[in-house]
Structure formats: structure tokens, C-alpha cells
Amino acid sequence: HGLGQVTRVSGASSLGAQDAARVANAIQRLLVEETRLGIPAIIHEEICSGLTARQSTVFPQAIGVASSWEPDLAEAIADAVRLQMRAIGAHQGLSPVLDVCRDPRWGRLEETFGEDPYLVARMGAAFVRGLQSDDLSGGVIATAKHFVGYAASEGGMNWAPGHIPARELREVYLHPFEAVVRAAGLRSVMNGYQELDGVPCGADRGLLTGILRDEWGFDGCVVSDYFSVRQLAEYHRLVADASQAAVVAMTAGIDVELPGTDCYGEPLLAALASGDIDEKLVDVSVRRVLRTKFELGIFEQPFVDFDAVAAVTDTPQQRALARRVAHKSMVLLRNDGVLPLQPHLGAVAVIGPNADAARNLFGDYTFPAHAESLREMRTEDNVFSIPIPDGAEFGDGMVGAPSVLESLRERLGPAVRHARGCDVNSDSTEGFAAAVALAAEADVAVMVMGDKSGLTNDCTSGEGRDRASLDLPGVQQDLVRAVVATGTPVVLVLVVGRPAGSVWIHEHCA
């Protein structure tokens, strides 16, 4: 049925690495041995924070990597991801995110390299080199997204239109994409969901063909963001149906529809039969996809050795790299002499909704976050409807990391005492009294505040989790004020969340 891409064998399931490799082999065997043309598929995965899969190393979100100011670290992360992906039979990663983000209300800020186009370009180019390697037959296709201006949305709202003058579009928002095309040999681009000057990016031939291909010389594949071809009809109301959406998107320059052949299947065939689209235009996209598959070497070797997967999956070296990048990503706003905490301290009060929540240390495109999403997405019409076996849902085994509270107890022993104080995003102040009393009796209070990132409704950061306010969520700021008022020295730790929260801390707390 025209299937040329397979969506997230690992990320949309609870499969371990070896099982994912077995499934990938089974899919390729079916395509190679039991279809008319015998053409293998490209399997893609999300990799914003490392490979989004069970048993894969979780690396810091891109905003943390950018905070290191070391492009070599981005390249090293991508190289580790490349090894993990090729081992499980995956060939395309949906990263790097090259959106220049200057509005911290936008929930996906954490997936970006930040607000400076030069830094975004340097980090993005390094990531592309590490992922694709010198020879794509051993590499993974990098997919720069979201082309373009997706993070410059009206009101910081996901999918909202961007209002960007032509010069600013060129000098700020297009710059990182141009850099990775010209300097890093980028092989894939993904369109943005939003409109620019009233034109959906997925329908803009001047953007996807004129600038990208004719001006910059890009010769890879353009893939659609998930469901964005169908959105030309259902969200943007640009066309009437899926067939017209397919025509507009392919004419604009989108070669591959993700996550499935919703519009590029039967609706595209209907458009060909009616003469609404020239078959030669379809042939152009077919050639691009086939060329990419030849570059990947999957015609010669469509299968992987699943017995060799463990040797490159979440290795001690990869964990050490993740830890090193995490250290480099930390930003110290100010220190009045409280840090570093000394072993001989007396009572240490550890307070806050994220103090004993290891899950909340992870960003939106990590497997612990996506496992929660999978539990909520079990309808038959959802692309992520793969059932999760009993006992294999989100739990401590998927995190594999200590909480801040656990780490402090390991370092400082029985001096550490804990009170949650409040939830991440609740109006309840029921826990305030206990937390304030604990802080008043302590020599120092460590407050671990911030967001919970992900795609579920209880999350305060991540895709589709935009914020109208730059304050800390819920009643967290009130709790900080109350603890600071005790006079106990306070160490404030902001996890996952938006830089704007740290601005508030810097202005209001000693």
C-alpha cells in the first residue's frame, strides 16, 4: 500500500532493544520477501533527548546541551544515538530541533537550543554530523525541524501562526537550517505545523522548494510533521479533503507523509487518477526516497543482528556521557556561600514537588514521559495505540535514576529530612505548614521546584503544554516565599522547566 516509512517501532511501544530489533527485522523481511517490489522501509524514531525508547540512554534536553556551549558534546550525543538506532534497525531520527525560541511561554522551548541563531546553528550542525557520520551507510538520517519559525508563534501557543518580517526570517529563523544544509550535509527536513503570513508551511512551495532546494541546494527528503498533511484540510482549512491536501503538500515539496500514508495513500492515488497531480511530480519524490535508502545501505543489508544489540545499548560509556553533559548543562544563577553543601551540615530540609520525583527530571521527548502518554492513547484510531503489556507500563524501572532527595540522602545521610510542600501544579497549600516548620528547624533548605514535562494533561511543560504565565506553576512561588521568610538559608533547584522560572527566583530570593 505504498508504505515506505515505519513509525517508531521502539518509541511507540514498550519493546526492549532486542525485541525492537526483532520486530524491525520482521517488518523488513515482509517487505523484502513478500511484496511485489521488495523495497525495504526506513524506520524512524524520536531522538530529541536521546533515543526515545526503553533501555536507551536519556540525555539532557537540547536547552541543557546548549547551556554547555560545547558543540562537541552535541556531536558526541548524536554519535551515541546513531549506534543505538542502527543496532535496533532504525534509520532516521526526528531531530535536531532548530527552532530559534525567544518566548519561554512556548512549551517546546526545552527541545530547542535556545534563542541565539548562531548557537542553534553550531549545535545543530554538530548534532547532524554526529548522527549522520561521514558515511550514511553506517549513519542515521538527521531531520531538522520545524521548518520554519514554529517557535515564534503568536502568544507562545503551539501551532499558532508566526508573524515574522522577511529580514528577520532570513537572519534569525532560517539561518540554522541553512547552516546545517550547507555545512553539515543534512539529509532530511520536517515542515512546521503553523502558518507564516497566512500560508501553512506544509503548503509553501516557495519555502520547501524555492529556498530549501533552489537556493541552498538541499537534495534530501522533506518529511511532514505528524498529521500535518491532513491538517491542510482539517486545521488550516486550505483545501477540502485528503486528496487535495496530498496534492498541495507534494506540490510544495513534501516527499514523505508521516506518521502513515493517510493522504499519500489512496487519496494521492485518486488525485493521480483524476489528473489533479502529474505523475512526474510523484516520481521526483520517489527518486529522493529511493536514493536515501541506497545511501543508508538498507537494500544491501535490511536486517540487523539482534544478538549484538546489548553491546551498544545504554552502555556505561553512554551513561557517563549523559552525566557529563548534565553537569555541563547546569546553570548557577547566584551563590551567597551556601554551596557546596558540606557533609558536616546539621539538619537539611529538602522541600518541593520535584524533590522526590525522579520522573520529573526528564523532558517531554524521553521514554519515561512517553510511556505515560502511551497509557492514555489506546484508541484504535491513534497511531500510538500499540498495547503495553501488564507490568510493562511506566514505573521505576523505566526511570533508572535517583531523585534529588535520594541523592542528597546518599551524600548527607540522616541529616536530610523531607516535606513535599505542594504539588507541581495545584492550588492546594495543605502541605505548606509542615514544609515551613521543617525549614525553620533546619540549617539549610533545598527547594526542588519547577515543571513536570511531557504530553499528558498533568504536565506543565513540553509539546502542547504552553503557559500564559512565566511564574512557577501552581502555588510553588508562594511556598518559596514562605520558606525564605523563615530566615533559613535556601538553595533553590529548578528542574526541567522554563528559564523564566529561574528569572523569578533570581529576582526574589537570596
Protein backbone atom coordinates (compact mmCIF):
# COMPACT_ATOMS: atom_id res chain seq x y z
CA HIS A 1 0.00 0.00 0.00
CA GLY A 2 2.90 2.36 -0.64
CA LEU A 3 4.41 2.04 2.83
CA GLY A 4 7.92 3.44 2.73
CA GLN A 5 8.34 4.60 6.32
CA VAL A 6 7.68 2.74 9.56
CA THR A 7 6.82 4.83 12.60
CA ARG A 8 8.61 4.35 15.89
CA VAL A 9 8.95 0.63 16.47
CA SER A 10 10.63 1.39 19.81
CA GLY A 11 9.17 4.73 20.83
CA ALA A 12 5.52 3.82 20.27
CA SER A 13 5.76 0.54 22.16
CA SER A 14 7.23 -0.84 25.34
CA LEU A 15 9.66 -3.11 23.49
CA GLY A 16 13.16 -3.56 24.80
CA ALA A 17 16.09 -3.06 22.45
CA GLN A 18 16.47 -6.67 21.31
CA ASP A 19 12.73 -7.13 20.80
CA ALA A 20 12.58 -3.90 18.81
CA ALA A 21 15.35 -5.22 16.56
CA ARG A 22 13.41 -8.47 16.05
CA VAL A 23 10.28 -6.53 15.07
CA ALA A 24 12.28 -4.33 12.69
CA ASN A 25 13.70 -7.45 11.04
CA ALA A 26 10.24 -8.99 10.74
CA ILE A 27 8.89 -5.85 9.07
CA GLN A 28 11.77 -5.68 6.62
CA ARG A 29 11.51 -9.40 5.84
CA LEU A 30 7.84 -8.97 4.96
CA LEU A 31 8.58 -6.02 2.70
CA VAL A 32 11.62 -7.55 1.02
CA GLU A 33 10.32 -11.08 0.58
CA GLU A 34 6.55 -10.77 0.28
CA THR A 35 5.85 -7.58 -1.68
CA ARG A 36 5.97 -7.06 -5.42
CA LEU A 37 8.95 -4.68 -5.47
CA GLY A 38 10.80 -5.96 -2.41
CA ILE A 39 11.80 -2.49 -1.22
CA PRO A 40 12.76 -2.19 2.48
CA ALA A 41 11.41 0.64 4.63
CA ILE A 42 13.06 3.45 6.54
CA ILE A 43 12.24 3.16 10.25
CA HIS A 44 12.23 6.43 12.16
CA GLU A 45 12.33 7.28 15.86
CA GLU A 46 12.20 10.37 18.07
CA ILE A 47 15.61 11.39 19.44
CA CYS A 48 15.21 14.84 21.00
CA SER A 49 16.73 13.68 24.29
CA GLY A 50 18.44 10.52 23.17
CA LEU A 51 16.62 7.62 21.55
CA THR A 52 13.07 7.70 22.91
CA ALA A 53 12.90 4.01 23.74
CA ARG A 54 13.02 1.60 26.62
CA GLN A 55 16.59 0.63 27.59
CA SER A 56 18.12 3.65 25.87
CA THR A 57 20.27 6.29 27.49
CA VAL A 58 18.43 9.50 28.33
CA PHE A 59 20.49 12.60 27.60
CA PRO A 60 19.70 16.16 28.74
CA GLN A 61 17.18 18.11 26.72
CA ALA A 62 18.59 20.33 23.96
CA ILE A 63 18.24 23.51 26.03
CA GLY A 64 20.57 21.92 28.57
CA VAL A 65 23.02 20.79 25.91
CA ALA A 66 23.08 24.33 24.55
CA SER A 67 23.83 25.63 28.04
CA SER A 68 27.15 23.78 27.86
CA TRP A 69 28.27 25.98 24.92
CA GLU A 70 30.17 22.92 23.64
CA PRO A 71 29.09 21.69 20.18
CA ASP A 72 31.37 18.66 20.59
CA LEU A 73 29.02 17.37 23.27
CA ALA A 74 26.05 17.59 20.89
CA GLU A 75 28.06 15.62 18.34
CA ALA A 76 29.02 13.00 20.93
CA ILE A 77 25.37 12.55 21.98
CA ALA A 78 24.31 12.13 18.37
CA ASP A 79 27.05 9.58 17.75
CA ALA A 80 25.84 7.51 20.71
CA VAL A 81 22.27 7.74 19.46
CA ARG A 82 23.43 6.66 15.99
CA LEU A 83 24.94 3.46 17.37
CA GLN A 84 21.82 2.63 19.36
CA MET A 85 19.49 3.30 16.44
CA ARG A 86 21.35 1.30 13.81
CA ALA A 87 21.60 -1.61 16.24
CA ILE A 88 17.79 -1.83 16.54
CA GLY A 89 17.20 -1.31 12.83
CA ALA A 90 16.21 2.36 12.87
CA HIS A 91 17.46 4.73 10.15
CA GLN A 92 16.03 8.21 10.67
CA GLY A 93 15.93 10.40 13.75
CA LEU A 94 13.46 13.25 14.06
CA SER A 95 15.98 15.78 15.36
CA PRO A 96 17.63 18.25 15.73
CA VAL A 97 15.06 20.90 16.65
CA LEU A 98 16.46 24.08 15.05
CA ASP A 99 13.63 26.38 16.10
CA VAL A 100 15.02 29.63 17.48
CA CYS A 101 12.87 30.15 20.58
CA ARG A 102 12.57 33.56 22.24
CA ASP A 103 9.25 33.09 24.00
CA PRO A 104 9.52 30.87 27.11
CA ARG A 105 5.74 30.51 27.25
CA TRP A 106 6.04 28.05 24.34
CA GLY A 107 6.00 24.56 25.82
CA ARG A 108 8.61 23.07 23.48
CA LEU A 109 11.34 25.55 24.40
CA GLU A 110 13.16 22.75 26.23
CA GLU A 111 13.58 20.84 22.94
CA THR A 112 15.42 23.76 21.33
CA PHE A 113 18.97 25.05 21.54
CA GLY A 114 17.62 28.42 22.65
CA GLU A 115 17.32 31.97 21.39
CA ASP A 116 20.54 32.68 19.50
CA PRO A 117 20.64 31.64 15.82
CA TYR A 118 24.42 31.25 15.79
CA LEU A 119 24.44 28.93 18.81
CA VAL A 120 21.50 26.96 17.41
CA ALA A 121 23.35 26.59 14.10
CA ARG A 122 26.59 25.45 15.74
CA MET A 123 24.85 22.93 17.99
CA GLY A 124 22.60 21.73 15.21
CA ALA A 125 25.43 21.21 12.73
CA ALA A 126 27.42 19.25 15.30
CA PHE A 127 24.42 17.06 16.07
CA VAL A 128 23.82 16.37 12.36
CA ARG A 129 27.46 15.37 11.84
CA GLY A 130 27.39 13.01 14.80
CA LEU A 131 24.16 11.37 13.72
CA GLN A 132 24.79 11.02 10.00
CA SER A 133 28.54 10.30 10.33
CA ASP A 134 30.90 10.53 7.37
CA ASP A 135 29.16 7.64 5.60
CA LEU A 136 25.38 7.38 5.80
CA SER A 137 25.55 3.61 5.29
CA GLY A 138 26.59 3.47 8.94
CA GLY A 139 24.77 6.60 9.97
CA VAL A 140 21.26 7.80 10.70
CA ILE A 141 19.35 10.45 8.77
CA ALA A 142 19.06 13.68 10.74
CA THR A 143 15.77 15.57 10.39
CA ALA A 144 15.98 19.30 11.03
CA LYS A 145 12.72 20.73 12.32
CA HIS A 146 10.42 22.58 12.28
CA PHE A 147 10.86 24.47 9.02
CA VAL A 148 10.42 27.32 9.82
CA GLY A 149 9.51 29.81 12.59
CA TYR A 150 7.49 27.27 14.55
CA ALA A 151 8.73 28.58 17.92
CA ALA A 152 7.91 32.20 17.01
CA SER A 153 4.21 31.56 17.40
CA GLU A 154 1.57 34.09 18.32
CA GLY A 155 1.27 34.24 22.10
CA GLY A 156 3.71 31.36 22.55
CA MET A 157 0.95 28.93 21.61
CA ASN A 158 1.65 25.65 19.87
CA TRP A 159 0.53 25.57 16.21
CA ALA A 160 -0.33 29.29 16.30
CA PRO A 161 0.77 31.39 13.30
CA GLY A 162 4.06 33.22 13.27
CA HIS A 163 4.38 36.89 12.36
CA ILE A 164 7.96 37.28 11.16
CA PRO A 165 9.26 40.05 8.86
CA ALA A 166 11.20 38.85 5.82
CA ARG A 167 14.62 40.04 7.01
CA GLU A 168 14.18 38.57 10.49
CA LEU A 169 13.01 35.30 8.94
CA ARG A 170 16.22 35.12 6.92
CA GLU A 171 18.71 36.31 9.52
CA VAL A 172 17.30 34.56 12.59
CA TYR A 173 14.94 31.68 11.89
CA LEU A 174 16.23 30.34 8.57
CA HIS A 175 19.89 30.73 9.50
CA PRO A 176 20.31 27.46 11.49
CA PHE A 177 18.61 25.44 8.77
CA GLU A 178 20.78 26.95 6.06
CA ALA A 179 23.87 26.24 8.14
CA VAL A 180 23.12 22.53 8.59
CA VAL A 181 22.24 22.14 4.91
CA ARG A 182 25.35 23.89 3.61
CA ALA A 183 27.89 22.95 6.28
CA ALA A 184 26.72 19.59 7.63
CA GLY A 185 25.12 17.84 4.65
CA LEU A 186 21.68 17.50 6.21
CA ARG A 187 19.61 14.72 4.60
CA SER A 188 16.07 15.50 5.82
CA VAL A 189 13.86 18.43 6.81
CA MET A 190 10.47 18.47 8.53
CA ASN A 191 7.92 21.23 7.99
CA GLY A 192 6.35 23.28 10.77
CA TYR A 193 2.68 22.96 11.65
CA GLN A 194 1.99 26.68 11.64
CA GLU A 195 1.27 29.39 9.10
CA LEU A 196 3.66 32.12 8.03
CA ASP A 197 1.93 35.19 6.62
CA GLY A 198 -1.23 33.13 6.24
CA VAL A 199 0.41 30.26 4.34
CA PRO A 200 0.81 26.88 6.11
CA CYS A 201 4.46 25.84 6.00
CA GLY A 202 3.42 22.44 4.67
CA ALA A 203 1.86 24.10 1.61
CA ASP A 204 4.55 26.70 0.91
CA ARG A 205 6.46 25.79 -2.24
CA GLY A 206 8.48 28.98 -2.03
CA LEU A 207 9.77 27.76 1.32
CA LEU A 208 10.09 23.98 0.87
CA THR A 209 11.36 24.10 -2.71
CA GLY A 210 12.36 27.67 -3.55
CA ILE A 211 14.53 28.47 -0.54
CA LEU A 212 15.43 24.99 0.64
CA ARG A 213 16.28 23.34 -2.67
CA ASP A 214 16.74 26.02 -5.32
CA GLU A 215 18.69 28.49 -3.15
CA TRP A 216 20.52 26.22 -0.72
CA GLY A 217 20.95 23.12 -2.88
CA PHE A 218 19.28 20.71 -0.44
CA ASP A 219 18.85 17.33 -2.15
CA GLY A 220 17.47 15.16 0.67
CA CYS A 221 13.90 14.30 1.65
CA VAL A 222 11.31 16.59 3.16
CA VAL A 223 9.03 14.74 5.58
CA SER A 224 5.82 16.05 7.05
CA ASP A 225 5.37 16.62 10.74
CA TYR A 226 2.88 14.13 12.10
CA PHE A 227 -0.56 14.56 10.51
CA SER A 228 0.37 17.97 9.04
CA VAL A 229 -0.68 16.95 5.52
CA ARG A 230 -4.17 16.07 6.74
CA GLN A 231 -4.17 19.33 8.73
CA LEU A 232 -4.13 21.31 5.49
CA ALA A 233 -7.77 20.28 5.23
CA GLU A 234 -8.86 19.79 8.83
CA TYR A 235 -6.94 22.51 10.70
CA HIS A 236 -5.89 25.16 8.21
CA ARG A 237 -9.00 24.71 6.02
CA LEU A 238 -6.85 25.39 3.00
CA VAL A 239 -8.33 22.50 0.99
CA ALA A 240 -11.47 20.40 1.13
CA ASP A 241 -10.21 16.85 1.58
CA ALA A 242 -7.28 14.47 1.96
CA SER A 243 -6.77 14.13 -1.80
CA GLN A 244 -6.38 17.87 -2.28
CA ALA A 245 -4.16 18.02 0.81
CA ALA A 246 -1.86 15.43 -0.76
CA VAL A 247 -1.66 17.41 -3.99
CA VAL A 248 -0.85 20.68 -2.24
CA ALA A 249 1.74 19.13 0.09
CA MET A 250 3.57 17.20 -2.63
CA THR A 251 3.50 20.19 -4.97
CA ALA A 252 5.02 22.28 -2.19
CA GLY A 253 7.84 19.78 -1.79
CA ILE A 254 6.88 17.28 0.93
CA ASP A 255 8.21 13.88 -0.19
CA VAL A 256 7.09 11.66 2.67
CA GLU A 257 3.98 11.82 4.83
CA LEU A 258 4.41 10.92 8.49
CA PRO A 259 3.38 9.06 10.55
CA GLY A 260 1.47 7.00 7.94
CA THR A 261 0.06 7.12 4.43
CA ASP A 262 -3.11 8.92 5.47
CA CYS A 263 -3.15 11.30 2.49
CA TYR A 264 -0.25 9.89 0.45
CA GLY A 265 -2.04 6.54 0.07
CA GLU A 266 -5.46 6.15 -1.53
CA PRO A 267 -6.16 9.92 -1.63
CA LEU A 268 -2.96 10.52 -3.63
CA LEU A 269 -3.82 7.68 -6.00
CA ALA A 270 -7.22 9.27 -6.55
CA ALA A 271 -5.55 12.58 -7.38
CA LEU A 272 -3.31 10.83 -9.91
CA ALA A 273 -6.28 9.09 -11.49
CA SER A 274 -8.19 12.37 -11.81
CA GLY A 275 -5.22 14.26 -13.21
CA ASP A 276 -5.05 16.66 -10.25
CA ILE A 277 -1.34 15.92 -9.91
CA ASP A 278 1.26 14.99 -12.50
CA GLU A 279 2.82 11.56 -12.07
CA LYS A 280 6.22 13.12 -12.83
CA LEU A 281 5.96 15.12 -9.60
CA VAL A 282 5.37 11.92 -7.65
CA ASP A 283 8.35 10.33 -9.41
CA VAL A 284 10.58 13.13 -8.12
CA SER A 285 9.72 12.28 -4.52
CA VAL A 286 10.05 8.56 -5.19
CA ARG A 287 13.58 9.10 -6.53
CA ARG A 288 14.54 11.11 -3.45
CA VAL A 289 13.29 8.40 -1.10
CA LEU A 290 14.96 5.59 -3.05
CA ARG A 291 18.23 7.50 -3.21
CA THR A 292 18.12 7.92 0.58
CA LYS A 293 17.55 4.19 1.05
CA PHE A 294 20.54 3.42 -1.16
CA GLU A 295 22.66 5.88 0.85
CA LEU A 296 21.61 4.10 4.04
CA GLY A 297 22.65 0.76 2.57
CA ILE A 298 19.38 -0.92 3.51
CA PHE A 299 18.94 -2.56 0.12
CA GLU A 300 22.18 -4.46 0.72
CA GLN A 301 21.52 -5.04 4.41
CA PRO A 302 17.90 -4.57 5.50
CA PHE A 303 18.34 -6.69 8.66
CA VAL A 304 20.24 -6.26 11.92
CA ASP A 305 21.92 -8.70 14.27
CA PHE A 306 19.74 -8.51 17.36
CA ASP A 307 22.26 -10.55 19.35
CA ALA A 308 24.67 -7.62 19.05
CA VAL A 309 22.21 -5.00 20.34
CA ALA A 310 23.17 -5.19 24.01
CA ALA A 311 26.76 -4.16 23.30
CA VAL A 312 25.68 -0.65 22.22
CA THR A 313 22.53 -0.14 24.32
CA ASP A 314 22.75 2.14 27.36
CA THR A 315 26.40 1.32 27.95
CA PRO A 316 28.47 2.64 30.87
CA GLN A 317 30.23 4.96 28.43
CA GLN A 318 26.90 6.37 27.20
CA ARG A 319 25.72 6.87 30.78
CA ALA A 320 28.97 8.62 31.61
CA LEU A 321 28.48 10.94 28.63
CA ALA A 322 24.93 11.73 29.73
CA ARG A 323 26.20 12.54 33.22
CA ARG A 324 28.98 14.74 31.84
CA VAL A 325 26.55 16.69 29.67
CA ALA A 326 24.15 17.03 32.61
CA HIS A 327 26.95 18.54 34.69
CA LYS A 328 27.84 20.94 31.87
CA SER A 329 24.19 21.92 31.40
CA MET A 330 23.67 23.24 34.92
CA VAL A 331 23.41 26.99 35.37
CA LEU A 332 24.26 28.60 38.72
CA LEU A 333 22.38 31.89 38.97
CA ARG A 334 23.95 33.07 42.20
CA ASN A 335 25.64 31.69 45.31
CA ASP A 336 25.78 33.52 48.62
CA GLY A 337 28.16 30.96 50.08
CA VAL A 338 25.68 28.19 50.86
CA LEU A 339 27.02 25.94 48.09
CA PRO A 340 28.59 23.48 48.00
CA LEU A 341 26.68 21.72 50.77
CA GLN A 342 29.12 20.32 53.32
CA PRO A 343 28.94 16.81 54.84
CA HIS A 344 29.14 18.24 58.38
CA LEU A 345 25.90 20.21 58.00
CA GLY A 346 23.24 19.76 60.61
CA ALA A 347 19.63 19.33 59.53
CA VAL A 348 18.92 19.69 55.82
CA ALA A 349 15.30 20.26 54.80
CA VAL A 350 14.55 19.02 51.29
CA ILE A 351 11.31 20.57 50.06
CA GLY A 352 9.33 20.82 46.84
CA PRO A 353 7.22 18.84 44.40
CA ASN A 354 10.21 17.68 42.39
CA ALA A 355 12.44 16.69 45.31
CA ASP A 356 11.32 13.06 45.42
CA ALA A 357 10.15 12.74 41.81
CA ALA A 358 12.85 11.23 39.61
CA ARG A 359 10.36 11.15 36.73
CA ASN A 360 10.18 14.94 36.75
CA LEU A 361 13.87 15.22 35.93
CA PHE A 362 13.08 14.02 32.40
CA GLY A 363 11.95 16.11 29.43
CA ASP A 364 8.94 15.66 27.16
CA TYR A 365 10.62 13.53 24.49
CA THR A 366 12.05 10.91 26.81
CA PHE A 367 10.67 7.43 27.14
CA PRO A 368 9.50 7.83 30.77
CA ALA A 369 7.35 10.75 29.61
CA HIS A 370 6.12 8.97 26.50
CA ALA A 371 5.26 5.82 28.43
CA GLU A 372 2.72 7.89 30.33
CA SER A 373 1.33 9.16 27.03
CA LEU A 374 1.05 5.63 25.70
CA ARG A 375 -1.19 4.65 28.58
CA GLU A 376 -3.61 7.42 27.60
CA MET A 377 -3.53 6.65 23.87
CA ARG A 378 -5.24 3.31 23.39
CA THR A 379 -7.98 4.17 20.94
CA GLU A 380 -7.94 2.23 17.70
CA ASP A 381 -7.63 5.34 15.55
CA ASN A 382 -4.47 6.59 17.26
CA VAL A 383 -1.07 5.94 15.75
CA PHE A 384 0.31 5.25 19.23
CA SER A 385 -2.26 2.56 20.02
CA ILE A 386 0.26 -0.27 20.46
CA PRO A 387 -0.84 -2.01 23.68
CA ILE A 388 1.53 -2.05 26.62
CA PRO A 389 1.69 -5.44 28.38
CA ASP A 390 0.71 -5.63 32.04
CA GLY A 391 3.69 -4.88 34.22
CA ALA A 392 5.50 -3.06 31.43
CA GLU A 393 3.92 0.35 31.87
CA PHE A 394 5.64 3.39 33.31
CA GLY A 395 7.32 2.65 36.61
CA ASP A 396 10.60 2.97 38.45
CA GLY A 397 12.24 0.52 36.07
CA MET A 398 11.77 2.97 33.21
CA VAL A 399 13.46 5.82 35.00
CA GLY A 400 16.61 4.21 36.34
CA ALA A 401 17.76 7.41 38.02
CA PRO A 402 17.72 8.63 41.62
CA SER A 403 15.67 11.60 42.75
CA VAL A 404 17.33 14.68 44.21
CA LEU A 405 16.15 13.58 47.66
CA GLU A 406 17.67 10.11 47.24
CA SER A 407 20.97 11.57 46.09
CA LEU A 408 21.16 14.02 48.99
CA ARG A 409 20.38 11.24 51.47
CA GLU A 410 23.18 9.18 49.96
CA ARG A 411 25.60 12.11 50.31
CA LEU A 412 24.48 13.64 53.61
CA GLY A 413 22.89 10.74 55.45
CA PRO A 414 20.33 11.06 58.26
CA ALA A 415 20.65 14.86 58.36
CA VAL A 416 18.29 15.03 55.39
CA ARG A 417 14.58 15.44 56.12
CA HIS A 418 11.80 15.80 53.59
CA ALA A 419 8.50 17.59 53.14
CA ARG A 420 6.81 17.89 49.74
CA GLY A 421 5.07 21.19 50.49
CA CYS A 422 2.92 21.31 47.35
CA ASP A 423 2.24 19.62 44.04
CA VAL A 424 3.70 20.78 40.73
CA ASN A 425 0.53 22.41 39.51
CA SER A 426 -2.11 22.56 42.23
CA ASP A 427 -3.82 25.29 44.23
CA SER A 428 -3.57 23.32 47.46
CA THR A 429 -1.44 24.80 50.27
CA GLU A 430 -2.18 21.93 52.64
CA GLY A 431 1.48 20.94 52.83
CA PHE A 432 2.84 24.41 53.49
CA ALA A 433 2.80 24.26 57.29
CA ALA A 434 4.84 21.07 57.51
CA ALA A 435 7.36 22.31 54.94
CA VAL A 436 7.80 25.70 56.62
CA ALA A 437 8.18 24.10 60.05
CA LEU A 438 10.81 21.72 58.70
CA ALA A 439 12.71 24.58 57.08
CA ALA A 440 12.62 26.67 60.25
CA GLU A 441 14.36 23.91 62.18
CA ALA A 442 16.99 23.22 59.51
CA ASP A 443 20.42 24.66 58.86
CA VAL A 444 19.69 24.85 55.15
CA ALA A 445 16.64 24.22 52.96
CA VAL A 446 17.00 22.70 49.49
CA MET A 447 13.90 23.52 47.45
CA VAL A 448 13.45 21.48 44.28
CA MET A 449 10.84 23.27 42.20
CA GLY A 450 9.81 23.58 38.56
CA ASP A 451 7.82 21.68 35.98
CA LYS A 452 6.71 18.24 35.05
CA SER A 453 7.39 17.85 31.35
CA GLY A 454 5.52 15.59 28.97
CA LEU A 455 2.43 15.28 26.82
CA THR A 456 -0.16 14.23 29.40
CA ASN A 457 -2.67 16.62 30.93
CA ASP A 458 -0.88 16.91 34.27
CA CYS A 459 2.29 18.24 32.62
CA THR A 460 3.26 21.92 32.67
CA SER A 461 5.99 21.88 30.01
CA GLY A 462 6.50 20.09 26.72
CA GLU A 463 4.71 19.81 23.40
CA GLY A 464 1.23 21.31 23.61
CA ARG A 465 1.84 22.42 27.21
CA ASP A 466 2.17 26.15 26.68
CA ARG A 467 1.84 28.63 29.52
CA ALA A 468 0.25 32.06 29.73
CA SER A 469 2.34 32.95 32.79
CA LEU A 470 6.07 32.86 33.37
CA ASP A 471 5.58 32.19 37.08
CA LEU A 472 6.36 28.83 38.60
CA PRO A 473 3.30 26.57 38.26
CA GLY A 474 0.60 26.24 40.89
CA VAL A 475 1.45 27.63 44.32
CA GLN A 476 5.18 26.94 44.12
CA GLN A 477 6.18 30.60 44.34
CA ASP A 478 4.06 31.06 47.44
CA LEU A 479 5.83 28.09 49.03
CA VAL A 480 9.24 29.56 48.17
CA ARG A 481 8.25 32.88 49.76
CA ALA A 482 7.06 31.13 52.89
CA VAL A 483 10.27 29.14 53.29
CA VAL A 484 12.51 32.12 52.55
CA ALA A 485 10.63 34.06 55.23
CA THR A 486 11.87 31.62 57.91
CA GLY A 487 15.38 33.05 57.52
CA THR A 488 16.91 29.64 56.83
CA PRO A 489 19.44 29.72 54.00
CA VAL A 490 17.76 28.37 50.87
CA VAL A 491 19.19 26.52 47.87
CA LEU A 492 16.71 26.64 45.01
CA VAL A 493 16.92 23.98 42.33
CA LEU A 494 14.75 24.40 39.23
CA VAL A 495 14.36 21.18 37.24
CA VAL A 496 13.21 20.68 33.64
CA GLY A 497 11.25 23.91 33.39
CA ARG A 498 11.43 27.23 31.69
CA PRO A 499 14.26 29.74 32.07
CA ALA A 500 11.64 32.31 33.06
CA GLY A 501 11.10 30.47 36.34
CA SER A 502 14.77 30.94 37.16
CA VAL A 503 14.44 34.65 36.44
CA TRP A 504 11.76 34.88 39.11
CA ILE A 505 13.98 33.01 41.58
CA HIS A 506 16.94 35.27 40.86
CA GLU A 507 14.92 38.43 41.42
CA HIS A 508 13.04 37.39 44.54
CA CYS A 509 15.27 35.03 46.54
CA ALA A 510 18.59 35.41 48.30
